[in-house]
Amino acid sequence: MEYRELMYGFSDLKDLMIENYQIERGREFVKLYFTEQREWLFVHDYDDHKKQMYICNNVKDKKIRKGLSDRAQKLTREALKYSSPAQFLNSGFLLYGFFQS
């Protein structure tokens, strides 16, 4: 997967978090963090972990949440190829997430 595709997937997930939780920080200031819990894969607002949404409800069977953009789905499918999807996504976000501190 090309870095550009990763970047777009992360941007789409940021936009969805911003929209769902009405986050008032600009996209460039929103950081994402990913976790796995009981076969679910979640994305969190790094600064407020209570703001979270699932992106996959069965990691083993690769059941990706409906309603994600094509690019976010592609990013999630790529992550599910790895033994730790959350670790893959966290590492990728640090490289391609484009945020300011």
N, C-alpha and C. Protein backbone atom coordinates (compact mmCIF):
# COMPACT_ATOMS: atom_id res chain seq x y z
N MET A 1 0.85 -1.18 0.00
CA MET A 1 0.00 0.00 0.00
C MET A 1 0.89 1.24 0.00
N GLU A 2 0.60 2.16 -0.86
CA GLU A 2 1.40 3.37 -0.98
C GLU A 2 1.14 4.32 0.19
N TYR A 3 2.15 5.12 0.50
CA TYR A 3 2.01 6.06 1.63
C TYR A 3 0.84 7.01 1.42
N ARG A 4 0.58 7.39 0.18
CA ARG A 4 -0.52 8.32 -0.11
C ARG A 4 -1.86 7.69 0.27
N GLU A 5 -2.02 6.40 -0.03
CA GLU A 5 -3.26 5.71 0.33
C GLU A 5 -3.42 5.62 1.85
N LEU A 6 -2.30 5.36 2.54
CA LEU A 6 -2.34 5.34 4.00
C LEU A 6 -2.76 6.70 4.54
N MET A 7 -2.16 7.75 4.01
CA MET A 7 -2.45 9.10 4.46
C MET A 7 -3.94 9.41 4.26
N TYR A 8 -4.48 9.07 3.11
CA TYR A 8 -5.90 9.35 2.84
C TYR A 8 -6.81 8.55 3.78
N GLY A 9 -6.45 7.30 4.05
CA GLY A 9 -7.23 6.48 4.97
C GLY A 9 -7.25 7.08 6.36
N PHE A 10 -6.09 7.51 6.85
CA PHE A 10 -6.03 8.14 8.17
C PHE A 10 -6.81 9.45 8.17
N SER A 11 -6.72 10.23 7.11
CA SER A 11 -7.46 11.49 7.03
C SER A 11 -8.97 11.24 7.09
N ASP A 12 -9.42 10.20 6.39
CA ASP A 12 -10.85 9.88 6.42
C ASP A 12 -11.30 9.45 7.81
N LEU A 13 -10.46 8.68 8.51
CA LEU A 13 -10.81 8.30 9.88
C LEU A 13 -10.84 9.52 10.80
N LYS A 14 -9.90 10.44 10.61
CA LYS A 14 -9.91 11.68 11.39
C LYS A 14 -11.21 12.44 11.15
N ASP A 15 -11.58 12.58 9.89
CA ASP A 15 -12.80 13.32 9.55
C ASP A 15 -14.03 12.68 10.19
N LEU A 16 -14.08 11.36 10.20
CA LEU A 16 -15.20 10.67 10.80
C LEU A 16 -15.25 10.90 12.31
N MET A 17 -14.08 10.85 12.97
CA MET A 17 -14.02 11.13 14.40
C MET A 17 -14.46 12.58 14.68
N ILE A 18 -13.95 13.51 13.90
CA ILE A 18 -14.29 14.92 14.08
C ILE A 18 -15.79 15.12 13.93
N GLU A 19 -16.37 14.49 12.91
CA GLU A 19 -17.80 14.62 12.65
C GLU A 19 -18.64 13.96 13.76
N ASN A 20 -18.29 12.73 14.12
CA ASN A 20 -19.08 11.99 15.11
C ASN A 20 -19.05 12.64 16.49
N TYR A 21 -17.90 13.18 16.87
CA TYR A 21 -17.74 13.74 18.21
C TYR A 21 -17.69 15.26 18.22
N GLN A 22 -17.91 15.88 17.08
CA GLN A 22 -17.91 17.34 16.97
C GLN A 22 -16.67 17.94 17.61
N ILE A 23 -15.53 17.37 17.26
CA ILE A 23 -14.24 17.84 17.76
C ILE A 23 -13.95 19.19 17.12
N GLU A 24 -13.57 20.14 17.93
CA GLU A 24 -13.38 21.50 17.44
C GLU A 24 -11.96 21.82 17.01
N ARG A 25 -11.02 20.92 17.27
CA ARG A 25 -9.65 21.13 16.80
C ARG A 25 -9.61 20.87 15.29
N GLY A 26 -8.73 21.56 14.60
CA GLY A 26 -8.55 21.32 13.18
C GLY A 26 -7.99 19.93 12.93
N ARG A 27 -8.23 19.40 11.74
CA ARG A 27 -7.79 18.05 11.41
C ARG A 27 -6.30 17.85 11.66
N GLU A 28 -5.49 18.88 11.39
CA GLU A 28 -4.04 18.74 11.55
C GLU A 28 -3.62 18.60 13.01
N PHE A 29 -4.54 18.89 13.95
CA PHE A 29 -4.24 18.78 15.37
C PHE A 29 -4.84 17.53 16.02
N VAL A 30 -5.62 16.80 15.26
CA VAL A 30 -6.25 15.59 15.79
C VAL A 30 -5.30 14.41 15.59
N LYS A 31 -5.03 13.72 16.69
CA LYS A 31 -4.17 12.53 16.65
C LYS A 31 -5.07 11.32 16.90
N LEU A 32 -4.76 10.24 16.23
CA LEU A 32 -5.52 9.01 16.41
C LEU A 32 -4.67 7.97 17.13
N TYR A 33 -5.36 7.09 17.83
CA TYR A 33 -4.71 5.97 18.49
C TYR A 33 -5.61 4.75 18.32
N PHE A 34 -5.01 3.60 18.09
CA PHE A 34 -5.76 2.39 17.78
C PHE A 34 -5.54 1.34 18.85
N THR A 35 -6.61 0.62 19.19
CA THR A 35 -6.53 -0.47 20.16
C THR A 35 -7.36 -1.65 19.67
N GLU A 36 -7.04 -2.80 20.25
CA GLU A 36 -7.82 -4.01 20.01
C GLU A 36 -8.36 -4.49 21.35
N GLN A 37 -9.64 -4.84 21.36
CA GLN A 37 -10.27 -5.36 22.57
C GLN A 37 -11.26 -6.44 22.18
N ARG A 38 -11.01 -7.66 22.62
CA ARG A 38 -11.91 -8.78 22.36
C ARG A 38 -12.32 -8.87 20.89
N GLU A 39 -11.37 -8.94 20.02
CA GLU A 39 -11.60 -9.09 18.57
C GLU A 39 -12.15 -7.84 17.89
N TRP A 40 -12.28 -6.74 18.61
CA TRP A 40 -12.73 -5.49 18.02
C TRP A 40 -11.51 -4.60 17.82
N LEU A 41 -11.52 -3.81 16.77
CA LEU A 41 -10.47 -2.84 16.49
C LEU A 41 -11.08 -1.45 16.58
N PHE A 42 -10.51 -0.62 17.45
CA PHE A 42 -11.04 0.71 17.72
C PHE A 42 -10.06 1.80 17.29
N VAL A 43 -10.61 2.95 16.95
CA VAL A 43 -9.83 4.17 16.77
C VAL A 43 -10.30 5.14 17.84
N HIS A 44 -9.34 5.81 18.47
CA HIS A 44 -9.61 6.77 19.56
C HIS A 44 -9.03 8.13 19.19
N ASP A 45 -9.62 9.16 19.78
CA ASP A 45 -8.98 10.48 19.80
C ASP A 45 -7.86 10.37 20.83
N TYR A 46 -6.63 10.57 20.41
CA TYR A 46 -5.48 10.39 21.29
C TYR A 46 -5.58 11.25 22.55
N ASP A 47 -6.15 12.44 22.43
CA ASP A 47 -6.24 13.35 23.56
C ASP A 47 -7.45 13.09 24.46
N ASP A 48 -8.37 12.26 24.02
CA ASP A 48 -9.55 11.92 24.81
C ASP A 48 -9.99 10.51 24.41
N HIS A 49 -9.43 9.51 25.08
CA HIS A 49 -9.68 8.12 24.70
C HIS A 49 -11.13 7.69 24.87
N LYS A 50 -11.93 8.48 25.57
CA LYS A 50 -13.36 8.16 25.67
C LYS A 50 -14.05 8.34 24.32
N LYS A 51 -13.47 9.15 23.47
CA LYS A 51 -14.00 9.34 22.12
C LYS A 51 -13.40 8.24 21.26
N GLN A 52 -14.21 7.24 21.00
CA GLN A 52 -13.72 6.10 20.24
C GLN A 52 -14.83 5.55 19.36
N MET A 53 -14.44 4.85 18.33
CA MET A 53 -15.41 4.14 17.49
C MET A 53 -14.73 2.90 16.94
N TYR A 54 -15.51 1.89 16.71
CA TYR A 54 -14.91 0.67 16.18
C TYR A 54 -14.79 0.78 14.66
N ILE A 55 -13.75 0.16 14.13
CA ILE A 55 -13.60 0.11 12.68
C ILE A 55 -13.65 -1.33 12.18
N CYS A 56 -13.59 -2.28 13.12
CA CYS A 56 -13.72 -3.70 12.78
C CYS A 56 -14.31 -4.40 14.01
N ASN A 57 -15.40 -5.14 13.80
CA ASN A 57 -16.02 -5.79 14.95
C ASN A 57 -15.67 -7.27 15.08
N ASN A 58 -14.81 -7.77 14.19
CA ASN A 58 -14.30 -9.13 14.33
C ASN A 58 -12.98 -9.22 13.57
N VAL A 59 -11.88 -9.02 14.28
CA VAL A 59 -10.55 -9.01 13.65
C VAL A 59 -10.27 -10.33 12.97
N LYS A 60 -10.62 -11.42 13.62
CA LYS A 60 -10.35 -12.75 13.07
C LYS A 60 -11.06 -12.96 11.73
N ASP A 61 -12.33 -12.59 11.66
CA ASP A 61 -13.11 -12.78 10.43
C ASP A 61 -13.08 -11.56 9.51
N LYS A 62 -12.35 -10.52 9.92
CA LYS A 62 -12.15 -9.31 9.12
C LYS A 62 -13.47 -8.63 8.75
N LYS A 63 -14.33 -8.46 9.75
CA LYS A 63 -15.62 -7.79 9.53
C LYS A 63 -15.45 -6.30 9.77
N ILE A 64 -15.27 -5.57 8.70
CA ILE A 64 -15.03 -4.13 8.77
C ILE A 64 -16.36 -3.39 8.90
N ARG A 65 -16.33 -2.35 9.70
CA ARG A 65 -17.53 -1.54 9.92
C ARG A 65 -18.06 -0.98 8.61
N LYS A 66 -19.35 -1.03 8.45
CA LYS A 66 -20.01 -0.40 7.31
C LYS A 66 -20.04 1.11 7.55
N GLY A 67 -20.01 1.85 6.48
CA GLY A 67 -20.07 3.30 6.60
C GLY A 67 -18.71 3.99 6.56
N LEU A 68 -17.63 3.19 6.58
CA LEU A 68 -16.30 3.79 6.41
C LEU A 68 -16.09 4.12 4.94
N SER A 69 -15.32 5.13 4.67
CA SER A 69 -14.99 5.46 3.29
C SER A 69 -14.20 4.31 2.67
N ASP A 70 -14.15 4.27 1.36
CA ASP A 70 -13.37 3.23 0.67
C ASP A 70 -11.91 3.26 1.12
N ARG A 71 -11.38 4.46 1.29
CA ARG A 71 -9.96 4.58 1.68
C ARG A 71 -9.73 4.10 3.11
N ALA A 72 -10.67 4.40 4.01
CA ALA A 72 -10.55 3.93 5.39
C ALA A 72 -10.73 2.40 5.44
N GLN A 73 -11.61 1.87 4.62
CA GLN A 73 -11.78 0.41 4.55
C GLN A 73 -10.51 -0.25 4.04
N LYS A 74 -9.91 0.34 3.03
CA LYS A 74 -8.68 -0.21 2.47
C LYS A 74 -7.55 -0.20 3.52
N LEU A 75 -7.44 0.88 4.25
CA LEU A 75 -6.45 0.98 5.33
C LEU A 75 -6.70 -0.10 6.38
N THR A 76 -7.96 -0.28 6.77
CA THR A 76 -8.31 -1.28 7.77
C THR A 76 -8.01 -2.69 7.26
N ARG A 77 -8.35 -2.97 6.00
CA ARG A 77 -8.03 -4.28 5.42
C ARG A 77 -6.53 -4.54 5.43
N GLU A 78 -5.75 -3.52 5.13
CA GLU A 78 -4.29 -3.66 5.15
C GLU A 78 -3.82 -3.99 6.57
N ALA A 79 -4.36 -3.31 7.56
CA ALA A 79 -3.97 -3.55 8.95
C ALA A 79 -4.32 -4.97 9.39
N LEU A 80 -5.44 -5.49 8.90
CA LEU A 80 -5.89 -6.82 9.31
C LEU A 80 -5.01 -7.94 8.77
N LYS A 81 -4.09 -7.61 7.90
CA LYS A 81 -3.14 -8.60 7.39
C LYS A 81 -2.06 -8.92 8.43
N TYR A 82 -1.94 -8.08 9.45
CA TYR A 82 -0.87 -8.20 10.43
C TYR A 82 -1.39 -8.84 11.72
N SER A 83 -0.47 -9.44 12.48
CA SER A 83 -0.88 -10.11 13.73
C SER A 83 -1.39 -9.10 14.77
N SER A 84 -0.92 -7.86 14.70
CA SER A 84 -1.41 -6.81 15.58
C SER A 84 -1.83 -5.61 14.74
N PRO A 85 -3.08 -5.60 14.28
CA PRO A 85 -3.55 -4.48 13.45
C PRO A 85 -3.40 -3.12 14.13
N ALA A 86 -3.66 -3.06 15.44
CA ALA A 86 -3.56 -1.77 16.14
C ALA A 86 -2.13 -1.26 16.12
N GLN A 87 -1.17 -2.14 16.31
CA GLN A 87 0.23 -1.73 16.29
C GLN A 87 0.62 -1.24 14.89
N PHE A 88 0.17 -1.94 13.86
CA PHE A 88 0.44 -1.50 12.49
C PHE A 88 -0.14 -0.10 12.25
N LEU A 89 -1.38 0.12 12.69
CA LEU A 89 -2.02 1.41 12.48
C LEU A 89 -1.37 2.53 13.30
N ASN A 90 -1.01 2.25 14.54
CA ASN A 90 -0.34 3.27 15.36
C ASN A 90 1.00 3.67 14.75
N SER A 91 1.76 2.69 14.30
CA SER A 91 3.05 2.99 13.66
C SER A 91 2.85 3.78 12.37
N GLY A 92 1.87 3.35 11.58
CA GLY A 92 1.59 4.04 10.32
C GLY A 92 1.09 5.45 10.55
N PHE A 93 0.28 5.64 11.61
CA PHE A 93 -0.23 6.97 11.88
C PHE A 93 0.91 7.92 12.24
N LEU A 94 1.87 7.43 13.00
CA LEU A 94 3.01 8.28 13.35
C LEU A 94 3.78 8.71 12.11
N LEU A 95 3.84 7.83 11.12
CA LEU A 95 4.56 8.16 9.89
C LEU A 95 3.73 8.98 8.92
N TYR A 96 2.43 8.68 8.80
CA TYR A 96 1.62 9.25 7.73
C TYR A 96 0.42 10.07 8.21
N GLY A 97 0.24 10.23 9.51
CA GLY A 97 -0.96 10.88 10.02
C GLY A 97 -0.98 12.38 9.86
N PHE A 98 0.16 13.00 9.65
CA PHE A 98 0.25 14.44 9.41
C PHE A 98 -0.47 15.25 10.46
N PHE A 99 0.10 15.30 11.65
CA PHE A 99 -0.47 16.13 12.70
C PHE A 99 0.58 17.08 13.22
N GLN A 100 0.13 18.18 13.81
CA GLN A 100 1.03 19.15 14.41
C GLN A 100 0.90 19.03 15.92
N SER A 101 1.97 19.31 16.62
CA SER A 101 1.88 19.25 18.09
C SER A 101 1.71 20.63 18.66
